[in-house]
Each structure stands twice: as structure tokens, then as C-alpha cells.
């Protein structure tokens, strides 16, 4: 499976460009977060990692 993860730091930013690039590259399982990179409580990243299995490809 191809898993994508996109993150923006603030609500002033948009994740659409990252999501569009991941979709164009064939990633169908895409997770997102709107949190600072310094924070560890990123639900989207945790979900993406939980979804990943041996042999999967993940792009961050």
C-alpha cells in the first residue's frame, strides 16, 4: 500500500498542495495533521504509522 502523510503547522496554511501531489503520485491512503512539527501528539501521523505494514511505502 502507498501511504501518504501531509502536515501543516498552522490553520493559516493549506494542505491541499501536498494532498494533490500525493494523489497524483498514486497515494490513496493519505493522512494529515495541522500541528507544529515539535509536537508529538499528531493523530494523523499516528494513524498512518498504525496503518503501515511490512512492504508498504510511506511518503512524508
PDB file of N, CA and C in Angstrom:
ATOM      1  N   UNK A   1       0.852  -1.169   0.000  1.00  0.00           N
ATOM      2  CA  UNK A   1       0.000   0.000   0.000  1.00  0.00           C
ATOM      3  C   UNK A   1       0.898   1.233   0.000  1.00  0.00           C
ATOM      4  N   UNK A   2       0.417   2.271  -0.646  1.00  0.00           N
ATOM      5  CA  UNK A   2       1.131   3.548  -0.674  1.00  0.00           C
ATOM      6  C   UNK A   2       0.430   4.499   0.298  1.00  0.00           C
ATOM      7  N   UNK A   3       1.137   4.882   1.349  1.00  0.00           N
ATOM      8  CA  UNK A   3       0.583   5.716   2.412  1.00  0.00           C
ATOM      9  C   UNK A   3       1.248   7.085   2.352  1.00  0.00           C
ATOM     10  N   UNK A   4       0.455   8.129   2.389  1.00  0.00           N
ATOM     11  CA  UNK A   4       0.977   9.491   2.369  1.00  0.00           C
ATOM     12  C   UNK A   4       0.638  10.210   3.665  1.00  0.00           C
ATOM     13  N   UNK A   5       1.538  11.106   4.058  1.00  0.00           N
ATOM     14  CA  UNK A   5       1.302  11.926   5.253  1.00  0.00           C
ATOM     15  C   UNK A   5       1.668  13.365   4.926  1.00  0.00           C
ATOM     16  N   UNK A   6       0.741  14.277   5.154  1.00  0.00           N
ATOM     17  CA  UNK A   6       0.963  15.701   4.915  1.00  0.00           C
ATOM     18  C   UNK A   6       0.700  16.456   6.210  1.00  0.00           C
ATOM     19  N   UNK A   7       1.559  17.443   6.490  1.00  0.00           N
ATOM     20  CA  UNK A   7       1.397  18.215   7.724  1.00  0.00           C
ATOM     21  C   UNK A   7       1.614  19.686   7.444  1.00  0.00           C
ATOM     22  N   UNK A   8       0.776  20.498   8.046  1.00  0.00           N
ATOM     23  CA  UNK A   8       0.968  21.938   8.059  1.00  0.00           C
ATOM     24  C   UNK A   8       1.042  22.370   9.512  1.00  0.00           C
ATOM     25  N   UNK A   9       1.698  23.496   9.746  1.00  0.00           N
ATOM     26  CA  UNK A   9       1.926  23.936  11.122  1.00  0.00           C
ATOM     27  C   UNK A   9       0.782  24.759  11.692  1.00  0.00           C
ATOM     28  N   UNK A  10       0.126  25.525  10.851  1.00  0.00           N
ATOM     29  CA  UNK A  10      -0.935  26.408  11.345  1.00  0.00           C
ATOM     30  C   UNK A  10      -2.153  26.329  10.443  1.00  0.00           C
ATOM     31  N   UNK A  11      -3.283  26.777  10.949  1.00  0.00           N
ATOM     32  CA  UNK A  11      -4.510  26.784  10.156  1.00  0.00           C
ATOM     33  C   UNK A  11      -4.460  27.837   9.051  1.00  0.00           C
ATOM     34  N   UNK A  12      -3.482  28.748   9.104  1.00  0.00           N
ATOM     35  CA  UNK A  12      -3.312  29.747   8.048  1.00  0.00           C
ATOM     36  C   UNK A  12      -2.772  29.109   6.772  1.00  0.00           C
ATOM     37  N   UNK A  13      -2.167  27.955   6.892  1.00  0.00           N
ATOM     38  CA  UNK A  13      -1.601  27.246   5.753  1.00  0.00           C
ATOM     39  C   UNK A  13      -2.633  26.262   5.214  1.00  0.00           C
ATOM     40  N   UNK A  14      -2.351  25.706   4.041  1.00  0.00           N
ATOM     41  CA  UNK A  14      -3.260  24.725   3.455  1.00  0.00           C
ATOM     42  C   UNK A  14      -2.523  23.446   3.104  1.00  0.00           C
ATOM     43  N   UNK A  15      -3.199  22.340   3.259  1.00  0.00           N
ATOM     44  CA  UNK A  15      -2.603  21.035   2.988  1.00  0.00           C
ATOM     45  C   UNK A  15      -2.931  20.557   1.568  1.00  0.00           C
ATOM     46  N   UNK A  16      -3.711  21.320   0.835  1.00  0.00           N
ATOM     47  CA  UNK A  16      -4.200  20.863  -0.468  1.00  0.00           C
ATOM     48  C   UNK A  16      -3.088  20.592  -1.479  1.00  0.00           C
ATOM     49  N   UNK A  17      -2.042  21.395  -1.524  1.00  0.00           N
ATOM     50  CA  UNK A  17      -0.954  21.157  -2.473  1.00  0.00           C
ATOM     51  C   UNK A  17      -0.234  19.843  -2.164  1.00  0.00           C
ATOM     52  N   UNK A  18      -0.008  19.577  -0.893  1.00  0.00           N
ATOM     53  CA  UNK A  18       0.637  18.323  -0.510  1.00  0.00           C
ATOM     54  C   UNK A  18      -0.272  17.138  -0.837  1.00  0.00           C
ATOM     55  N   UNK A  19      -1.544  17.274  -0.522  1.00  0.00           N
ATOM     56  CA  UNK A  19      -2.510  16.205  -0.801  1.00  0.00           C
ATOM     57  C   UNK A  19      -2.612  15.954  -2.308  1.00  0.00           C
ATOM     58  N   UNK A  20      -2.673  17.015  -3.097  1.00  0.00           N
ATOM     59  CA  UNK A  20      -2.752  16.875  -4.552  1.00  0.00           C
ATOM     60  C   UNK A  20      -1.533  16.144  -5.106  1.00  0.00           C
ATOM     61  N   UNK A  21      -0.343  16.472  -4.597  1.00  0.00           N
ATOM     62  CA  UNK A  21       0.884  15.816  -5.057  1.00  0.00           C
ATOM     63  C   UNK A  21       0.878  14.331  -4.692  1.00  0.00           C
ATOM     64  N   UNK A  22       0.421  14.013  -3.503  1.00  0.00           N
ATOM     65  CA  UNK A  22       0.353  12.616  -3.082  1.00  0.00           C
ATOM     66  C   UNK A  22      -0.657  11.841  -3.933  1.00  0.00           C
ATOM     67  N   UNK A  23      -1.801  12.441  -4.188  1.00  0.00           N
ATOM     68  CA  UNK A  23      -2.812  11.779  -5.021  1.00  0.00           C
ATOM     69  C   UNK A  23      -2.300  11.580  -6.445  1.00  0.00           C
ATOM     70  N   UNK A  24      -1.603  12.579  -6.995  1.00  0.00           N
ATOM     71  CA  UNK A  24      -1.055  12.477  -8.346  1.00  0.00           C
ATOM     72  C   UNK A  24      -0.014  11.364  -8.441  1.00  0.00           C
ATOM     73  N   UNK A  25       0.662  11.089  -7.332  1.00  0.00           N
ATOM     74  CA  UNK A  25       1.679  10.035  -7.301  1.00  0.00           C
ATOM     75  C   UNK A  25       1.069   8.667  -7.002  1.00  0.00           C
ATOM     76  N   UNK A  26      -0.242   8.605  -6.866  1.00  0.00           N
ATOM     77  CA  UNK A  26      -0.915   7.327  -6.671  1.00  0.00           C
ATOM     78  C   UNK A  26      -1.135   6.922  -5.222  1.00  0.00           C
ATOM     79  N   UNK A  27      -0.958   7.849  -4.305  1.00  0.00           N
ATOM     80  CA  UNK A  27      -1.193   7.551  -2.894  1.00  0.00           C
ATOM     81  C   UNK A  27      -2.679   7.711  -2.606  1.00  0.00           C
ATOM     82  N   UNK A  28      -3.317   6.632  -2.157  1.00  0.00           N
ATOM     83  CA  UNK A  28      -4.756   6.672  -1.896  1.00  0.00           C
ATOM     84  C   UNK A  28      -5.061   6.750  -0.408  1.00  0.00           C
ATOM     85  N   UNK A  29      -4.136   6.343   0.420  1.00  0.00           N
ATOM     86  CA  UNK A  29      -4.297   6.378   1.869  1.00  0.00           C
ATOM     87  C   UNK A  29      -3.478   7.567   2.378  1.00  0.00           C
ATOM     88  N   UNK A  30      -4.137   8.702   2.583  1.00  0.00           N
ATOM     89  CA  UNK A  30      -3.435   9.937   2.942  1.00  0.00           C
ATOM     90  C   UNK A  30      -3.936  10.435   4.290  1.00  0.00           C
ATOM     91  N   UNK A  31      -2.998  10.713   5.165  1.00  0.00           N
ATOM     92  CA  UNK A  31      -3.309  11.221   6.500  1.00  0.00           C
ATOM     93  C   UNK A  31      -2.737  12.630   6.615  1.00  0.00           C
ATOM     94  N   UNK A  32      -3.404  13.481   7.393  1.00  0.00           N
ATOM     95  CA  UNK A  32      -2.966  14.862   7.539  1.00  0.00           C
ATOM     96  C   UNK A  32      -3.029  15.308   8.995  1.00  0.00           C
ATOM     97  N   UNK A  33      -2.239  16.323   9.282  1.00  0.00           N
ATOM     98  CA  UNK A  33      -2.255  16.979  10.590  1.00  0.00           C
ATOM     99  C   UNK A  33      -2.058  18.473  10.399  1.00  0.00           C
ATOM    100  N   UNK A  34      -2.612  19.238  11.327  1.00  0.00           N
ATOM    101  CA  UNK A  34      -2.359  20.670  11.419  1.00  0.00           C
ATOM    102  C   UNK A  34      -1.790  20.922  12.803  1.00  0.00           C
ATOM    103  N   UNK A  35      -0.498  20.673  12.934  1.00  0.00           N
ATOM    104  CA  UNK A  35       0.178  20.834  14.221  1.00  0.00           C
ATOM    105  C   UNK A  35       1.630  21.175  13.969  1.00  0.00           C
ATOM    106  N   UNK A  36       2.229  21.816  14.906  1.00  0.00           N
ATOM    107  CA  UNK A  36       3.655  22.122  14.832  1.00  0.00           C
ATOM    108  C   UNK A  36       4.463  20.831  14.800  1.00  0.00           C
ATOM    109  N   UNK A  37       5.575  20.844  14.069  1.00  0.00           N
ATOM    110  CA  UNK A  37       6.448  19.685  13.990  1.00  0.00           C
ATOM    111  C   UNK A  37       7.071  19.312  15.318  1.00  0.00           C
ATOM    112  N   UNK A  38       7.096  20.235  16.257  1.00  0.00           N
ATOM    113  CA  UNK A  38       7.696  19.975  17.564  1.00  0.00           C
ATOM    114  C   UNK A  38       6.774  19.132  18.449  1.00  0.00           C
ATOM    115  N   UNK A  39       5.480  19.098  18.095  1.00  0.00           N
ATOM    116  CA  UNK A  39       4.511  18.350  18.900  1.00  0.00           C
ATOM    117  C   UNK A  39       4.539  16.876  18.549  1.00  0.00           C
ATOM    118  N   UNK A  40       4.431  16.036  19.528  1.00  0.00           N
ATOM    119  CA  UNK A  40       4.453  14.589  19.317  1.00  0.00           C
ATOM    120  C   UNK A  40       3.054  13.997  19.190  1.00  0.00           C
ATOM    121  N   UNK A  41       2.037  14.751  19.560  1.00  0.00           N
ATOM    122  CA  UNK A  41       0.668  14.226  19.539  1.00  0.00           C
ATOM    123  C   UNK A  41      -0.020  14.521  18.202  1.00  0.00           C
ATOM    124  N   UNK A  42       0.507  13.922  17.144  1.00  0.00           N
ATOM    125  CA  UNK A  42      -0.044  14.124  15.805  1.00  0.00           C
ATOM    126  C   UNK A  42      -0.875  12.901  15.420  1.00  0.00           C
ATOM    127  N   UNK A  43      -2.205  13.043  15.532  1.00  0.00           N
ATOM    128  CA  UNK A  43      -3.112  11.927  15.302  1.00  0.00           C
ATOM    129  C   UNK A  43      -2.980  11.350  13.897  1.00  0.00           C
ATOM    130  N   UNK A  44      -2.820  12.210  12.890  1.00  0.00           N
ATOM    131  CA  UNK A  44      -2.690  11.729  11.517  1.00  0.00           C
ATOM    132  C   UNK A  44      -1.455  10.871  11.329  1.00  0.00           C
ATOM    133  N   UNK A  45      -0.325  11.292  11.896  1.00  0.00           N
ATOM    134  CA  UNK A  45       0.911  10.519  11.785  1.00  0.00           C
ATOM    135  C   UNK A  45       0.789   9.197  12.534  1.00  0.00           C
ATOM    136  N   UNK A  46       0.196   9.239  13.699  1.00  0.00           N
ATOM    137  CA  UNK A  46       0.000   8.009  14.477  1.00  0.00           C
ATOM    138  C   UNK A  46      -0.881   7.030  13.692  1.00  0.00           C
ATOM    139  N   UNK A  47      -1.939   7.535  13.069  1.00  0.00           N
ATOM    140  CA  UNK A  47      -2.822   6.680  12.270  1.00  0.00           C
ATOM    141  C   UNK A  47      -2.093   6.110  11.061  1.00  0.00           C
ATOM    142  N   UNK A  48      -1.276   6.929  10.410  1.00  0.00           N
ATOM    143  CA  UNK A  48      -0.515   6.463   9.248  1.00  0.00           C
ATOM    144  C   UNK A  48       0.452   5.356   9.648  1.00  0.00           C
ATOM    145  N   UNK A  49       1.123   5.534  10.760  1.00  0.00           N
ATOM    146  CA  UNK A  49       2.067   4.514  11.225  1.00  0.00           C
ATOM    147  C   UNK A  49       1.343   3.241  11.641  1.00  0.00           C
ATOM    148  N   UNK A  50       0.166   3.382  12.245  1.00  0.00           N
ATOM    149  CA  UNK A  50      -0.631   2.211  12.623  1.00  0.00           C
ATOM    150  C   UNK A  50      -1.103   1.436  11.393  1.00  0.00           C
ATOM    151  N   UNK A  51      -1.362   2.143  10.308  1.00  0.00           N
ATOM    152  CA  UNK A  51      -1.849   1.536   9.078  1.00  0.00           C
ATOM    153  C   UNK A  51      -0.733   0.801   8.327  1.00  0.00           C
ATOM    154  N   UNK A  52       0.499   1.270   8.467  1.00  0.00           N
ATOM    155  CA  UNK A  52       1.628   0.739   7.693  1.00  0.00           C
ATOM    156  C   UNK A  52       1.966  -0.699   8.095  1.00  0.00           C
ATOM    157  N   UNK A  53       2.237  -1.488   7.069  1.00  0.00           N
ATOM    158  CA  UNK A  53       2.639  -2.881   7.245  1.00  0.00           C
ATOM    159  C   UNK A  53       3.943  -3.119   6.488  1.00  0.00           C
ATOM    160  N   UNK A  54       4.581  -4.208   6.764  1.00  0.00           N
ATOM    161  CA  UNK A  54       5.819  -4.567   6.085  1.00  0.00           C
ATOM    162  C   UNK A  54       5.599  -4.563   4.572  1.00  0.00           C
ATOM    163  N   UNK A  55       6.466  -3.877   3.853  1.00  0.00           N
ATOM    164  CA  UNK A  55       6.363  -3.789   2.400  1.00  0.00           C
ATOM    165  C   UNK A  55       5.617  -2.569   1.900  1.00  0.00           C
ATOM    166  N   UNK A  56       4.923  -1.851   2.786  1.00  0.00           N
ATOM    167  CA  UNK A  56       4.227  -0.632   2.389  1.00  0.00           C
ATOM    168  C   UNK A  56       5.238   0.480   2.135  1.00  0.00           C
ATOM    169  N   UNK A  57       4.812   1.479   1.369  1.00  0.00           N
ATOM    170  CA  UNK A  57       5.621   2.663   1.098  1.00  0.00           C
ATOM    171  C   UNK A  57       4.933   3.846   1.756  1.00  0.00           C
ATOM    172  N   UNK A  58       5.705   4.625   2.527  1.00  0.00           N
ATOM    173  CA  UNK A  58       5.140   5.801   3.183  1.00  0.00           C
ATOM    174  C   UNK A  58       5.969   7.023   2.804  1.00  0.00           C
ATOM    175  N   UNK A  59       5.275   8.057   2.342  1.00  0.00           N
ATOM    176  CA  UNK A  59       5.917   9.328   1.998  1.00  0.00           C
ATOM    177  C   UNK A  59       5.422  10.375   2.976  1.00  0.00           C
ATOM    178  N   UNK A  60       6.355  11.112   3.523  1.00  0.00           N
ATOM    179  CA  UNK A  60       6.049  12.165   4.483  1.00  0.00           C
ATOM    180  C   UNK A  60       6.414  13.502   3.869  1.00  0.00           C
TER     181      UNK A  60
END
